[in-house]
Amino acid sequence: MKKILLFLFLGSVGFTAYSCDNNDDAVVQNPVDYDTYSTAYDIIPTFTKTNNNLYHFDDAFNKPLVESDVVLIYLQTGLTNNNSPIWSLLPYSVALNNGNNDRVDYVFDFSAYDIGINVKSTPTLNLDNNSSYYTNKKFRVVVVPAKTGTSKSAEAAAVNYEDYNSVIKYYNIDESKIQTKVK
């Protein structure tokens, strides 16, 4: 009986020693994040007049954002020579150079459930007479995961969020799948 207990003891120690591995300190260079994803869509909003100097638009998300998502909104401000859109990150201002120092500002906010875009002007400019600043404007909404923590912060700092093409490339967003919503 003592020999059987000895063999059982040695067998269990051997099994435990064999199944343990201390090879867990390997650093993964390019980890894949499977719980967050990047997405983008275009909107051509219909703004609601709040007053002469402010127009507002709200859009709800299909599903709520998670806490680690960040929303970037770009305004199409022109076209390149090969007809590619030029995207400018909001907030964005247009100086009118009309002698009154007038300008039009495009700003946004977001929550887990929706985004809001505002077009506002200086008090001396009545937007009612200048509908080109808020009609038929195309905005691109880009939802990306926030980068936090020690190693991710340095990685995220490498992305220039003002440069739309840098964002699309970094987050692997397929522009051919971007859909437009007219609201």
N, C-alpha and C. Protein backbone atom coordinates (compact mmCIF):
# COMPACT_ATOMS: atom_id res chain seq x y z
N MET A 1 0.82 -1.18 0.00
CA MET A 1 0.00 0.00 0.00
C MET A 1 0.87 1.25 0.00
N LYS A 2 1.98 1.23 0.72
CA LYS A 2 2.87 2.38 0.76
C LYS A 2 3.47 2.65 -0.61
N LYS A 3 3.73 1.57 -1.39
CA LYS A 3 4.32 1.75 -2.71
C LYS A 3 3.29 2.39 -3.66
N ILE A 4 2.04 2.03 -3.53
CA ILE A 4 1.00 2.59 -4.41
C ILE A 4 0.84 4.08 -4.11
N LEU A 5 0.82 4.45 -2.82
CA LEU A 5 0.70 5.87 -2.47
C LEU A 5 1.90 6.66 -2.97
N LEU A 6 3.10 6.04 -2.91
CA LEU A 6 4.31 6.69 -3.40
C LEU A 6 4.20 6.94 -4.90
N PHE A 7 3.74 5.95 -5.67
CA PHE A 7 3.60 6.11 -7.12
C PHE A 7 2.51 7.13 -7.47
N LEU A 8 1.42 7.14 -6.71
CA LEU A 8 0.37 8.13 -6.94
C LEU A 8 0.89 9.54 -6.66
N PHE A 9 1.65 9.68 -5.59
CA PHE A 9 2.22 10.98 -5.24
C PHE A 9 3.20 11.44 -6.32
N LEU A 10 4.10 10.57 -6.74
CA LEU A 10 5.08 10.92 -7.77
C LEU A 10 4.38 11.21 -9.10
N GLY A 11 3.33 10.46 -9.41
CA GLY A 11 2.58 10.69 -10.65
C GLY A 11 1.89 12.05 -10.64
N SER A 12 1.29 12.42 -9.51
CA SER A 12 0.60 13.71 -9.45
C SER A 12 1.61 14.86 -9.50
N VAL A 13 2.76 14.71 -8.86
CA VAL A 13 3.79 15.75 -8.91
C VAL A 13 4.32 15.87 -10.34
N GLY A 14 4.54 14.74 -10.97
CA GLY A 14 5.03 14.75 -12.35
C GLY A 14 4.03 15.38 -13.31
N PHE A 15 2.75 15.06 -13.14
CA PHE A 15 1.71 15.63 -13.99
C PHE A 15 1.64 17.14 -13.81
N THR A 16 1.70 17.60 -12.57
CA THR A 16 1.64 19.03 -12.27
C THR A 16 2.86 19.75 -12.84
N ALA A 17 4.02 19.19 -12.67
CA ALA A 17 5.24 19.81 -13.19
C ALA A 17 5.22 19.87 -14.71
N TYR A 18 4.68 18.87 -15.36
CA TYR A 18 4.63 18.82 -16.82
C TYR A 18 3.60 19.80 -17.38
N SER A 19 2.48 19.96 -16.70
CA SER A 19 1.41 20.80 -17.23
C SER A 19 1.62 22.28 -16.95
N CYS A 20 2.53 22.65 -16.06
CA CYS A 20 2.81 24.05 -15.78
C CYS A 20 3.83 24.56 -16.78
N ASP A 21 3.62 25.78 -17.25
CA ASP A 21 4.53 26.38 -18.21
C ASP A 21 4.77 27.81 -17.76
N ASN A 22 6.00 28.21 -17.69
CA ASN A 22 6.35 29.55 -17.27
C ASN A 22 6.70 30.42 -18.47
N ASN A 23 6.16 30.08 -19.62
CA ASN A 23 6.46 30.81 -20.84
C ASN A 23 5.34 31.81 -21.13
N ASP A 24 4.94 32.61 -20.13
CA ASP A 24 3.83 33.54 -20.29
C ASP A 24 4.28 35.00 -20.34
N ASP A 25 5.56 35.25 -20.45
CA ASP A 25 6.02 36.62 -20.47
C ASP A 25 6.40 37.08 -21.88
N ALA A 26 5.89 36.40 -22.88
CA ALA A 26 6.13 36.82 -24.26
C ALA A 26 5.29 38.06 -24.56
N VAL A 27 5.89 39.04 -25.22
CA VAL A 27 5.20 40.28 -25.57
C VAL A 27 4.61 40.13 -26.97
N VAL A 28 3.33 40.42 -27.08
CA VAL A 28 2.66 40.37 -28.37
C VAL A 28 2.85 41.74 -29.03
N GLN A 29 3.48 41.77 -30.19
CA GLN A 29 3.81 43.04 -30.84
C GLN A 29 2.58 43.76 -31.40
N ASN A 30 1.73 43.09 -32.09
CA ASN A 30 0.55 43.70 -32.70
C ASN A 30 -0.70 42.96 -32.26
N PRO A 31 -1.20 43.25 -31.07
CA PRO A 31 -2.37 42.51 -30.60
C PRO A 31 -3.61 42.86 -31.42
N VAL A 32 -4.49 41.92 -31.57
CA VAL A 32 -5.75 42.13 -32.27
C VAL A 32 -6.84 42.32 -31.23
N ASP A 33 -7.56 43.42 -31.35
CA ASP A 33 -8.63 43.75 -30.42
C ASP A 33 -9.95 43.29 -31.03
N TYR A 34 -10.54 42.24 -30.47
CA TYR A 34 -11.75 41.67 -31.04
C TYR A 34 -13.04 42.22 -30.44
N ASP A 35 -12.96 43.05 -29.40
CA ASP A 35 -14.20 43.52 -28.79
C ASP A 35 -14.59 44.93 -29.22
N THR A 36 -13.73 45.62 -29.95
CA THR A 36 -14.09 46.92 -30.49
C THR A 36 -13.77 46.93 -31.98
N TYR A 37 -14.47 47.74 -32.71
CA TYR A 37 -14.22 47.84 -34.15
C TYR A 37 -14.44 49.27 -34.58
N SER A 38 -13.86 49.61 -35.71
CA SER A 38 -14.01 50.94 -36.26
C SER A 38 -15.06 50.92 -37.35
N THR A 39 -15.80 51.99 -37.45
CA THR A 39 -16.83 52.09 -38.47
C THR A 39 -16.97 53.54 -38.91
N ALA A 40 -17.55 53.73 -40.08
CA ALA A 40 -17.77 55.08 -40.59
C ALA A 40 -19.02 55.10 -41.45
N TYR A 41 -19.69 56.25 -41.47
CA TYR A 41 -20.82 56.45 -42.37
C TYR A 41 -20.94 57.93 -42.68
N ASP A 42 -21.55 58.25 -43.81
CA ASP A 42 -21.76 59.63 -44.21
C ASP A 42 -23.19 60.04 -43.90
N ILE A 43 -23.36 61.32 -43.59
CA ILE A 43 -24.69 61.87 -43.42
C ILE A 43 -24.77 63.21 -44.16
N ILE A 44 -25.92 63.44 -44.76
CA ILE A 44 -26.24 64.73 -45.34
C ILE A 44 -27.46 65.21 -44.55
N PRO A 45 -27.22 65.98 -43.49
CA PRO A 45 -28.30 66.30 -42.55
C PRO A 45 -29.18 67.45 -43.01
N THR A 46 -30.39 67.45 -42.49
CA THR A 46 -31.30 68.59 -42.59
C THR A 46 -31.28 69.25 -41.23
N PHE A 47 -30.73 70.44 -41.18
CA PHE A 47 -30.59 71.16 -39.92
C PHE A 47 -31.89 71.86 -39.54
N THR A 48 -32.11 71.96 -38.24
CA THR A 48 -33.26 72.68 -37.69
C THR A 48 -32.78 74.03 -37.17
N LYS A 49 -33.51 75.07 -37.53
CA LYS A 49 -33.14 76.42 -37.09
C LYS A 49 -33.46 76.58 -35.61
N THR A 50 -32.47 76.99 -34.85
CA THR A 50 -32.66 77.29 -33.43
C THR A 50 -32.83 78.80 -33.25
N ASN A 51 -31.99 79.56 -33.93
CA ASN A 51 -32.15 81.02 -34.02
C ASN A 51 -31.43 81.46 -35.30
N ASN A 52 -31.34 82.77 -35.55
CA ASN A 52 -30.74 83.25 -36.80
C ASN A 52 -29.29 82.84 -36.96
N ASN A 53 -28.63 82.54 -35.87
CA ASN A 53 -27.20 82.25 -35.93
C ASN A 53 -26.87 80.82 -35.58
N LEU A 54 -27.88 79.94 -35.45
CA LEU A 54 -27.59 78.56 -35.05
C LEU A 54 -28.56 77.59 -35.71
N TYR A 55 -27.99 76.58 -36.33
CA TYR A 55 -28.76 75.46 -36.89
C TYR A 55 -28.24 74.18 -36.26
N HIS A 56 -29.15 73.26 -35.95
CA HIS A 56 -28.79 72.06 -35.19
C HIS A 56 -29.31 70.80 -35.89
N PHE A 57 -28.58 69.69 -35.70
CA PHE A 57 -28.97 68.39 -36.22
C PHE A 57 -28.60 67.32 -35.20
N ASP A 58 -29.52 66.37 -34.96
CA ASP A 58 -29.27 65.21 -34.09
C ASP A 58 -29.44 63.94 -34.88
N ASP A 59 -28.60 62.95 -34.58
CA ASP A 59 -28.71 61.63 -35.22
C ASP A 59 -28.43 60.57 -34.16
N ALA A 60 -29.34 59.59 -34.05
CA ALA A 60 -29.18 58.52 -33.08
C ALA A 60 -28.38 57.38 -33.69
N PHE A 61 -27.59 56.70 -32.86
CA PHE A 61 -26.85 55.53 -33.30
C PHE A 61 -27.79 54.32 -33.35
N ASN A 62 -27.49 53.38 -34.24
CA ASN A 62 -28.29 52.14 -34.32
C ASN A 62 -28.20 51.34 -33.03
N LYS A 63 -27.03 51.32 -32.43
CA LYS A 63 -26.84 50.69 -31.13
C LYS A 63 -25.93 51.59 -30.31
N PRO A 64 -26.08 51.61 -29.00
CA PRO A 64 -25.27 52.52 -28.17
C PRO A 64 -23.78 52.22 -28.29
N LEU A 65 -23.00 53.28 -28.18
CA LEU A 65 -21.55 53.12 -28.17
C LEU A 65 -21.12 52.49 -26.85
N VAL A 66 -19.98 51.84 -26.87
CA VAL A 66 -19.41 51.36 -25.62
C VAL A 66 -18.55 52.47 -25.06
N GLU A 67 -18.22 52.35 -23.80
CA GLU A 67 -17.50 53.42 -23.10
C GLU A 67 -16.16 53.75 -23.75
N SER A 68 -15.56 52.78 -24.42
CA SER A 68 -14.23 53.00 -24.99
C SER A 68 -14.27 53.49 -26.43
N ASP A 69 -15.44 53.89 -26.96
CA ASP A 69 -15.53 54.40 -28.32
C ASP A 69 -15.39 55.91 -28.34
N VAL A 70 -14.81 56.40 -29.42
CA VAL A 70 -14.65 57.83 -29.65
C VAL A 70 -15.25 58.15 -31.00
N VAL A 71 -15.93 59.29 -31.10
CA VAL A 71 -16.55 59.72 -32.35
C VAL A 71 -15.74 60.89 -32.91
N LEU A 72 -15.40 60.76 -34.18
CA LEU A 72 -14.77 61.84 -34.93
C LEU A 72 -15.72 62.20 -36.05
N ILE A 73 -15.91 63.50 -36.30
CA ILE A 73 -16.77 63.92 -37.39
C ILE A 73 -15.97 64.85 -38.30
N TYR A 74 -16.04 64.53 -39.60
CA TYR A 74 -15.34 65.30 -40.62
C TYR A 74 -16.37 65.95 -41.54
N LEU A 75 -16.08 67.17 -42.00
CA LEU A 75 -16.89 67.89 -42.96
C LEU A 75 -16.18 67.85 -44.30
N GLN A 76 -16.94 67.52 -45.37
CA GLN A 76 -16.34 67.56 -46.70
C GLN A 76 -16.23 69.02 -47.11
N THR A 77 -14.98 69.50 -47.24
CA THR A 77 -14.76 70.91 -47.51
C THR A 77 -14.33 71.18 -48.94
N GLY A 78 -14.24 70.15 -49.75
CA GLY A 78 -13.86 70.36 -51.15
C GLY A 78 -13.49 69.04 -51.80
N LEU A 79 -12.93 69.17 -53.01
CA LEU A 79 -12.47 68.00 -53.77
C LEU A 79 -11.05 68.24 -54.24
N THR A 80 -10.28 67.16 -54.33
CA THR A 80 -8.93 67.26 -54.87
C THR A 80 -9.01 67.29 -56.40
N ASN A 81 -7.86 67.39 -57.05
CA ASN A 81 -7.82 67.41 -58.52
C ASN A 81 -8.38 66.14 -59.14
N ASN A 82 -8.26 65.00 -58.43
CA ASN A 82 -8.80 63.74 -58.96
C ASN A 82 -10.18 63.41 -58.36
N ASN A 83 -10.89 64.45 -57.91
CA ASN A 83 -12.26 64.35 -57.37
C ASN A 83 -12.39 63.51 -56.11
N SER A 84 -11.32 63.36 -55.35
CA SER A 84 -11.41 62.73 -54.03
C SER A 84 -11.84 63.79 -53.03
N PRO A 85 -12.71 63.44 -52.08
CA PRO A 85 -13.16 64.44 -51.11
C PRO A 85 -12.05 64.89 -50.16
N ILE A 86 -12.14 66.12 -49.77
CA ILE A 86 -11.24 66.67 -48.75
C ILE A 86 -12.06 66.73 -47.47
N TRP A 87 -11.58 66.06 -46.41
CA TRP A 87 -12.31 65.99 -45.14
C TRP A 87 -11.58 66.81 -44.10
N SER A 88 -12.32 67.67 -43.39
CA SER A 88 -11.77 68.49 -42.32
C SER A 88 -12.44 68.11 -41.00
N LEU A 89 -11.63 67.87 -39.98
CA LEU A 89 -12.12 67.46 -38.67
C LEU A 89 -12.85 68.61 -37.98
N LEU A 90 -14.01 68.27 -37.39
CA LEU A 90 -14.73 69.26 -36.58
C LEU A 90 -14.09 69.33 -35.20
N PRO A 91 -14.05 70.46 -34.55
CA PRO A 91 -14.62 71.73 -34.95
C PRO A 91 -13.85 72.33 -36.12
N TYR A 92 -14.61 73.02 -36.98
CA TYR A 92 -14.06 73.62 -38.19
C TYR A 92 -14.69 74.99 -38.36
N SER A 93 -13.89 75.98 -38.72
CA SER A 93 -14.38 77.35 -38.90
C SER A 93 -14.08 77.84 -40.30
N VAL A 94 -15.03 78.61 -40.84
CA VAL A 94 -14.86 79.25 -42.15
C VAL A 94 -14.86 80.76 -41.91
N ALA A 95 -13.73 81.41 -42.21
CA ALA A 95 -13.65 82.87 -42.11
C ALA A 95 -14.15 83.46 -43.41
N LEU A 96 -15.08 84.43 -43.33
CA LEU A 96 -15.71 84.96 -44.53
C LEU A 96 -14.96 86.13 -45.16
N ASN A 97 -14.08 86.79 -44.43
CA ASN A 97 -13.31 87.92 -44.96
C ASN A 97 -14.22 88.96 -45.62
N ASN A 98 -15.31 89.29 -44.95
CA ASN A 98 -16.27 90.23 -45.52
C ASN A 98 -16.22 91.61 -44.85
N GLY A 99 -15.20 91.87 -44.10
CA GLY A 99 -15.09 93.17 -43.43
C GLY A 99 -15.69 93.19 -42.04
N ASN A 100 -16.57 92.26 -41.71
CA ASN A 100 -17.18 92.20 -40.38
C ASN A 100 -16.51 91.15 -39.49
N ASN A 101 -15.48 90.52 -39.98
CA ASN A 101 -14.83 89.40 -39.27
C ASN A 101 -15.82 88.27 -39.00
N ASP A 102 -16.77 88.09 -39.91
CA ASP A 102 -17.75 87.02 -39.75
C ASP A 102 -17.10 85.66 -40.00
N ARG A 103 -17.66 84.68 -39.32
CA ARG A 103 -17.20 83.30 -39.53
C ARG A 103 -18.36 82.36 -39.23
N VAL A 104 -18.26 81.15 -39.79
CA VAL A 104 -19.23 80.10 -39.55
C VAL A 104 -18.47 78.95 -38.90
N ASP A 105 -18.99 78.47 -37.78
CA ASP A 105 -18.35 77.38 -37.03
C ASP A 105 -19.19 76.12 -37.12
N TYR A 106 -18.52 75.00 -37.35
CA TYR A 106 -19.15 73.68 -37.34
C TYR A 106 -18.60 72.94 -36.13
N VAL A 107 -19.46 72.60 -35.18
CA VAL A 107 -19.04 71.90 -33.96
C VAL A 107 -19.95 70.70 -33.76
N PHE A 108 -19.52 69.78 -32.89
CA PHE A 108 -20.35 68.60 -32.63
C PHE A 108 -20.18 68.15 -31.20
N ASP A 109 -21.11 67.32 -30.77
CA ASP A 109 -21.00 66.62 -29.49
C ASP A 109 -21.55 65.22 -29.71
N PHE A 110 -21.22 64.33 -28.78
CA PHE A 110 -21.75 62.98 -28.89
C PHE A 110 -21.93 62.38 -27.51
N SER A 111 -22.82 61.41 -27.45
CA SER A 111 -23.04 60.62 -26.24
C SER A 111 -23.02 59.17 -26.68
N ALA A 112 -23.33 58.28 -25.78
CA ALA A 112 -23.38 56.86 -26.13
C ALA A 112 -24.52 56.57 -27.10
N TYR A 113 -25.48 57.48 -27.21
CA TYR A 113 -26.69 57.21 -27.99
C TYR A 113 -26.84 58.05 -29.25
N ASP A 114 -26.17 59.21 -29.34
CA ASP A 114 -26.37 60.05 -30.51
C ASP A 114 -25.24 61.04 -30.69
N ILE A 115 -25.31 61.73 -31.84
CA ILE A 115 -24.41 62.84 -32.12
C ILE A 115 -25.25 64.08 -32.36
N GLY A 116 -24.66 65.22 -32.15
CA GLY A 116 -25.28 66.50 -32.47
C GLY A 116 -24.29 67.35 -33.23
N ILE A 117 -24.74 67.96 -34.32
CA ILE A 117 -23.89 68.86 -35.11
C ILE A 117 -24.56 70.23 -35.11
N ASN A 118 -23.77 71.26 -34.83
CA ASN A 118 -24.26 72.63 -34.83
C ASN A 118 -23.50 73.45 -35.88
N VAL A 119 -24.23 74.28 -36.59
CA VAL A 119 -23.66 75.27 -37.49
C VAL A 119 -24.04 76.62 -36.90
N LYS A 120 -23.04 77.39 -36.49
CA LYS A 120 -23.35 78.69 -35.88
C LYS A 120 -22.46 79.75 -36.49
N SER A 121 -22.97 80.97 -36.46
CA SER A 121 -22.24 82.09 -37.06
C SER A 121 -22.09 83.21 -36.06
N THR A 122 -21.28 84.18 -36.43
CA THR A 122 -21.14 85.38 -35.61
C THR A 122 -22.45 86.15 -35.66
N PRO A 123 -22.74 86.98 -34.66
CA PRO A 123 -24.05 87.68 -34.59
C PRO A 123 -24.36 88.56 -35.80
N THR A 124 -23.35 89.09 -36.47
CA THR A 124 -23.61 89.99 -37.60
C THR A 124 -23.98 89.25 -38.88
N LEU A 125 -23.87 87.93 -38.90
CA LEU A 125 -24.19 87.14 -40.09
C LEU A 125 -25.47 86.35 -39.82
N ASN A 126 -26.49 86.59 -40.62
CA ASN A 126 -27.75 85.87 -40.49
C ASN A 126 -27.69 84.65 -41.40
N LEU A 127 -27.70 83.46 -40.80
CA LEU A 127 -27.61 82.22 -41.60
C LEU A 127 -28.84 81.98 -42.46
N ASP A 128 -29.96 82.64 -42.16
CA ASP A 128 -31.15 82.49 -43.00
C ASP A 128 -30.85 82.93 -44.43
N ASN A 129 -30.02 83.92 -44.58
CA ASN A 129 -29.68 84.45 -45.90
C ASN A 129 -28.49 83.73 -46.53
N ASN A 130 -27.94 82.77 -45.84
CA ASN A 130 -26.75 82.05 -46.31
C ASN A 130 -26.92 80.55 -46.10
N SER A 131 -27.93 79.97 -46.74
CA SER A 131 -28.23 78.56 -46.51
C SER A 131 -27.15 77.61 -47.02
N SER A 132 -26.24 78.11 -47.85
CA SER A 132 -25.18 77.24 -48.37
C SER A 132 -24.27 76.73 -47.26
N TYR A 133 -24.33 77.34 -46.09
CA TYR A 133 -23.49 76.90 -44.98
C TYR A 133 -24.10 75.73 -44.21
N TYR A 134 -25.37 75.44 -44.44
CA TYR A 134 -25.98 74.34 -43.70
C TYR A 134 -26.85 73.41 -44.56
N THR A 135 -26.96 73.66 -45.84
CA THR A 135 -27.72 72.73 -46.70
C THR A 135 -26.76 71.96 -47.61
N ASN A 136 -27.11 70.71 -47.87
CA ASN A 136 -26.34 69.82 -48.74
C ASN A 136 -24.89 69.67 -48.30
N LYS A 137 -24.65 69.73 -47.01
CA LYS A 137 -23.31 69.51 -46.48
C LYS A 137 -23.16 68.02 -46.16
N LYS A 138 -22.01 67.47 -46.49
CA LYS A 138 -21.75 66.05 -46.23
C LYS A 138 -20.76 65.94 -45.07
N PHE A 139 -21.15 65.13 -44.08
CA PHE A 139 -20.32 64.88 -42.92
C PHE A 139 -19.99 63.38 -42.88
N ARG A 140 -18.81 63.06 -42.46
CA ARG A 140 -18.43 61.65 -42.28
C ARG A 140 -18.24 61.41 -40.78
N VAL A 141 -19.03 60.49 -40.24
CA VAL A 141 -18.96 60.12 -38.83
C VAL A 141 -18.07 58.87 -38.74
N VAL A 142 -17.02 58.95 -37.94
CA VAL A 142 -16.07 57.85 -37.78
C VAL A 142 -16.05 57.48 -36.30
N VAL A 143 -16.36 56.22 -36.01
CA VAL A 143 -16.33 55.72 -34.63
C VAL A 143 -15.13 54.79 -34.51
N VAL A 144 -14.23 55.13 -33.59
CA VAL A 144 -13.01 54.35 -33.39
C VAL A 144 -12.86 54.02 -31.91
N PRO A 145 -12.12 52.94 -31.62
CA PRO A 145 -11.87 52.64 -30.21
C PRO A 145 -10.88 53.64 -29.62
N ALA A 146 -11.14 54.02 -28.39
CA ALA A 146 -10.21 54.90 -27.68
C ALA A 146 -8.99 54.10 -27.29
N LYS A 147 -7.84 54.72 -27.35
CA LYS A 147 -6.60 54.06 -26.95
C LYS A 147 -6.22 54.57 -25.58
N THR A 148 -6.18 53.67 -24.61
CA THR A 148 -5.80 54.06 -23.26
C THR A 148 -4.78 53.07 -22.73
N GLY A 149 -4.15 53.42 -21.64
CA GLY A 149 -3.15 52.54 -21.05
C GLY A 149 -1.76 52.94 -21.51
N THR A 150 -0.76 52.29 -20.96
CA THR A 150 0.61 52.71 -21.22
C THR A 150 1.05 52.45 -22.64
N SER A 151 0.92 51.23 -23.12
CA SER A 151 1.43 50.93 -24.46
C SER A 151 0.52 51.49 -25.54
N LYS A 152 -0.77 51.55 -25.32
CA LYS A 152 -1.70 52.02 -26.33
C LYS A 152 -1.65 53.54 -26.48
N SER A 153 -1.33 54.28 -25.42
CA SER A 153 -1.30 55.73 -25.50
C SER A 153 -0.23 56.19 -26.47
N ALA A 154 0.94 55.60 -26.40
CA ALA A 154 2.00 55.96 -27.32
C ALA A 154 1.62 55.58 -28.74
N GLU A 155 0.94 54.47 -28.90
CA GLU A 155 0.51 54.01 -30.21
C GLU A 155 -0.54 54.96 -30.79
N ALA A 156 -1.49 55.40 -29.97
CA ALA A 156 -2.54 56.29 -30.44
C ALA A 156 -2.00 57.68 -30.76
N ALA A 157 -0.94 58.09 -30.04
CA ALA A 157 -0.35 59.39 -30.31
C ALA A 157 0.23 59.45 -31.72
N ALA A 158 0.53 58.30 -32.30
CA ALA A 158 1.08 58.25 -33.65
C ALA A 158 0.01 58.55 -34.70
N VAL A 159 -1.27 58.50 -34.34
CA VAL A 159 -2.35 58.77 -35.29
C VAL A 159 -2.68 60.25 -35.25
N ASN A 160 -2.66 60.88 -36.40
CA ASN A 160 -3.04 62.27 -36.52
C ASN A 160 -4.52 62.32 -36.87
N TYR A 161 -5.39 62.60 -35.89
CA TYR A 161 -6.82 62.58 -36.10
C TYR A 161 -7.29 63.71 -37.02
N GLU A 162 -6.49 64.75 -37.18
CA GLU A 162 -6.83 65.82 -38.13
C GLU A 162 -6.71 65.33 -39.57
N ASP A 163 -5.85 64.34 -39.80
CA ASP A 163 -5.64 63.79 -41.13
C ASP A 163 -6.56 62.59 -41.33
N TYR A 164 -7.64 62.81 -42.07
CA TYR A 164 -8.64 61.77 -42.28
C TYR A 164 -8.01 60.50 -42.86
N ASN A 165 -7.13 60.64 -43.85
CA ASN A 165 -6.53 59.46 -44.48
C ASN A 165 -5.68 58.66 -43.51
N SER A 166 -5.03 59.33 -42.58
CA SER A 166 -4.24 58.65 -41.56
C SER A 166 -5.14 57.82 -40.65
N VAL A 167 -6.30 58.36 -40.29
CA VAL A 167 -7.25 57.66 -39.41
C VAL A 167 -7.80 56.42 -40.12
N ILE A 168 -8.21 56.59 -41.37
CA ILE A 168 -8.78 55.48 -42.14
C ILE A 168 -7.76 54.36 -42.29
N LYS A 169 -6.54 54.72 -42.57
CA LYS A 169 -5.48 53.72 -42.74
C LYS A 169 -5.17 53.02 -41.42
N TYR A 170 -5.03 53.79 -40.35
CA TYR A 170 -4.66 53.22 -39.06
C TYR A 170 -5.71 52.25 -38.54
N TYR A 171 -6.99 52.60 -38.71
CA TYR A 171 -8.07 51.77 -38.18
C TYR A 171 -8.66 50.80 -39.21
N ASN A 172 -8.02 50.68 -40.35
CA ASN A 172 -8.44 49.72 -41.40
C ASN A 172 -9.91 49.87 -41.77
N ILE A 173 -10.36 51.07 -42.03
CA ILE A 173 -11.74 51.30 -42.43
C ILE A 173 -11.81 51.22 -43.96
N ASP A 174 -12.69 50.36 -44.43
CA ASP A 174 -12.87 50.15 -45.86
C ASP A 174 -13.83 51.21 -46.39
N GLU A 175 -13.30 52.18 -47.13
CA GLU A 175 -14.13 53.28 -47.62
C GLU A 175 -15.18 52.83 -48.63
N SER A 176 -14.96 51.71 -49.28
CA SER A 176 -15.95 51.24 -50.25
C SER A 176 -17.24 50.77 -49.57
N LYS A 177 -17.19 50.54 -48.27
CA LYS A 177 -18.37 50.08 -47.53
C LYS A 177 -19.08 51.20 -46.77
N ILE A 178 -18.60 52.43 -46.91
CA ILE A 178 -19.23 53.55 -46.21
C ILE A 178 -20.52 53.92 -46.93
N GLN A 179 -21.60 53.97 -46.15
CA GLN A 179 -22.92 54.31 -46.71
C GLN A 179 -23.31 55.72 -46.33
N THR A 180 -24.16 56.32 -47.15
CA THR A 180 -24.62 57.68 -46.92
C THR A 180 -26.07 57.65 -46.45
N LYS A 181 -26.34 58.41 -45.38
CA LYS A 181 -27.69 58.60 -44.88
C LYS A 181 -28.11 60.04 -45.15
N VAL A 182 -29.23 60.23 -45.77
CA VAL A 182 -29.78 61.58 -45.95
C VAL A 182 -30.82 61.74 -44.86
N LYS A 183 -30.62 62.70 -43.99
CA LYS A 183 -31.50 62.87 -42.82
C LYS A 183 -32.14 64.23 -42.83
